[in-house]
């Protein structure tokens, strides 16, 4: 049969490990965001916002550096759109967090 399609056996030991490793970049970004939210909940909103903005910049770098097969849940649209979106929103959050002065949430 020349038209037969071969597939990998899902029970092979390396397949599950690879599927978990693909999501590590997203897990790292999510951990940074969770830590930022924790800082915000502890009334350190500026530090939390900086962590969240930094997490988005990390997501932009990871999306730009990793291949499409290794980005996991960081890949939403095309690479260019993802990198520009993550970087733009991250820079906007950083700019806002670093330029607001005074007020009750110093």
Protein backbone atom coordinates (compact mmCIF):
# COMPACT_ATOMS: atom_id res chain seq x y z
CA UNK A 1 0.00 0.00 0.00
CA UNK A 2 1.72 3.12 -1.16
CA UNK A 3 -0.96 5.49 0.17
CA UNK A 4 -0.88 4.23 3.76
CA UNK A 5 -0.36 6.82 6.45
CA UNK A 6 1.84 5.88 9.37
CA UNK A 7 1.26 7.38 12.78
CA UNK A 8 3.30 7.29 15.92
CA UNK A 9 2.19 5.04 18.70
CA UNK A 10 0.78 7.29 21.47
CA UNK A 11 2.00 4.80 24.06
CA UNK A 12 5.66 5.49 23.29
CA UNK A 13 7.40 6.92 26.37
CA UNK A 14 8.92 9.99 24.69
CA UNK A 15 5.66 11.26 23.21
CA UNK A 16 4.01 12.25 26.53
CA UNK A 17 7.21 13.86 27.76
CA UNK A 18 7.47 15.94 24.59
CA UNK A 19 3.85 17.06 24.84
CA UNK A 20 4.46 18.28 28.40
CA UNK A 21 7.71 20.07 27.47
CA UNK A 22 5.94 21.98 24.70
CA UNK A 23 3.86 23.81 27.31
CA UNK A 24 6.76 24.85 29.58
CA UNK A 25 7.19 28.32 27.98
CA UNK A 26 3.52 29.08 28.60
CA UNK A 27 3.81 27.74 32.17
CA UNK A 28 6.78 30.02 32.84
CA UNK A 29 4.89 33.08 31.60
CA UNK A 30 1.82 32.04 33.59
CA UNK A 31 3.93 31.65 36.75
CA UNK A 32 5.26 35.21 36.33
CA UNK A 33 1.74 36.54 35.87
CA UNK A 34 0.53 34.63 38.95
CA UNK A 35 3.36 36.08 41.02
CA UNK A 36 2.47 39.55 39.71
CA UNK A 37 -1.16 39.04 40.69
CA UNK A 38 -0.02 37.93 44.15
CA UNK A 39 1.99 41.15 44.54
CA UNK A 40 -1.04 43.17 43.46
CA UNK A 41 -3.19 41.33 46.01
CA UNK A 42 -0.60 42.27 48.66
CA UNK A 43 -1.16 45.98 47.80
CA UNK A 44 2.09 46.31 45.83
CA UNK A 45 0.32 47.09 42.57
CA UNK A 46 3.30 48.74 40.89
CA UNK A 47 5.56 45.72 41.44
CA UNK A 48 2.79 43.39 40.31
CA UNK A 49 2.15 45.41 37.16
CA UNK A 50 5.87 45.43 36.36
CA UNK A 51 5.96 41.64 36.76
CA UNK A 52 2.96 41.21 34.45
CA UNK A 53 4.47 43.55 31.86
CA UNK A 54 7.76 41.66 32.14
CA UNK A 55 5.92 38.36 31.70
CA UNK A 56 4.44 39.63 28.43
CA UNK A 57 7.89 40.67 27.24
CA UNK A 58 9.20 37.21 28.13
CA UNK A 59 6.30 35.75 26.13
CA UNK A 60 7.29 37.92 23.15
CA UNK A 61 10.91 36.76 23.32
CA UNK A 62 9.92 33.11 23.69
CA UNK A 63 7.45 33.35 20.80
CA UNK A 64 10.12 34.93 18.59
CA UNK A 65 12.87 32.47 19.56
CA UNK A 66 11.07 29.13 19.64
CA UNK A 67 9.89 27.16 16.65
CA UNK A 68 6.17 26.81 16.01
CA UNK A 69 6.23 23.22 17.28
CA UNK A 70 7.77 24.29 20.62
CA UNK A 71 5.67 27.38 21.45
CA UNK A 72 2.66 25.47 22.74
CA UNK A 73 -0.07 27.75 24.01
CA UNK A 74 1.95 30.93 23.33
CA UNK A 75 1.09 30.60 19.64
CA UNK A 76 -2.22 32.28 18.95
CA UNK A 77 -1.85 33.95 15.56
CA UNK A 78 1.14 34.27 13.27
CA UNK A 79 4.56 34.73 14.85
CA UNK A 80 4.73 38.41 13.86
CA UNK A 81 1.29 39.25 15.27
CA UNK A 82 2.00 37.37 18.50
CA UNK A 83 5.38 39.01 19.08
CA UNK A 84 4.05 42.51 18.34
CA UNK A 85 0.98 41.97 20.53
CA UNK A 86 2.89 40.55 23.49
CA UNK A 87 5.65 43.16 23.29
CA UNK A 88 3.28 46.08 22.73
CA UNK A 89 1.00 45.21 25.62
CA UNK A 90 3.97 44.42 27.88
CA UNK A 91 5.61 47.78 27.14
CA UNK A 92 2.32 49.60 27.65
CA UNK A 93 1.81 47.98 31.07
CA UNK A 94 5.42 48.72 32.06
CA UNK A 95 5.13 52.33 30.93
CA UNK A 96 1.90 52.80 32.88
CA UNK A 97 3.25 51.17 36.04
CA UNK A 98 6.48 53.15 36.00
CA UNK A 99 5.04 56.57 35.19
CA UNK A 100 2.08 56.83 37.60
CA UNK A 101 3.23 58.64 40.73
CA UNK A 102 1.51 59.56 43.94
CA UNK A 103 -2.03 58.58 44.78
CA UNK A 104 -3.33 56.21 47.43
CA UNK A 105 -1.64 53.13 45.96
CA UNK A 106 1.95 54.35 46.06
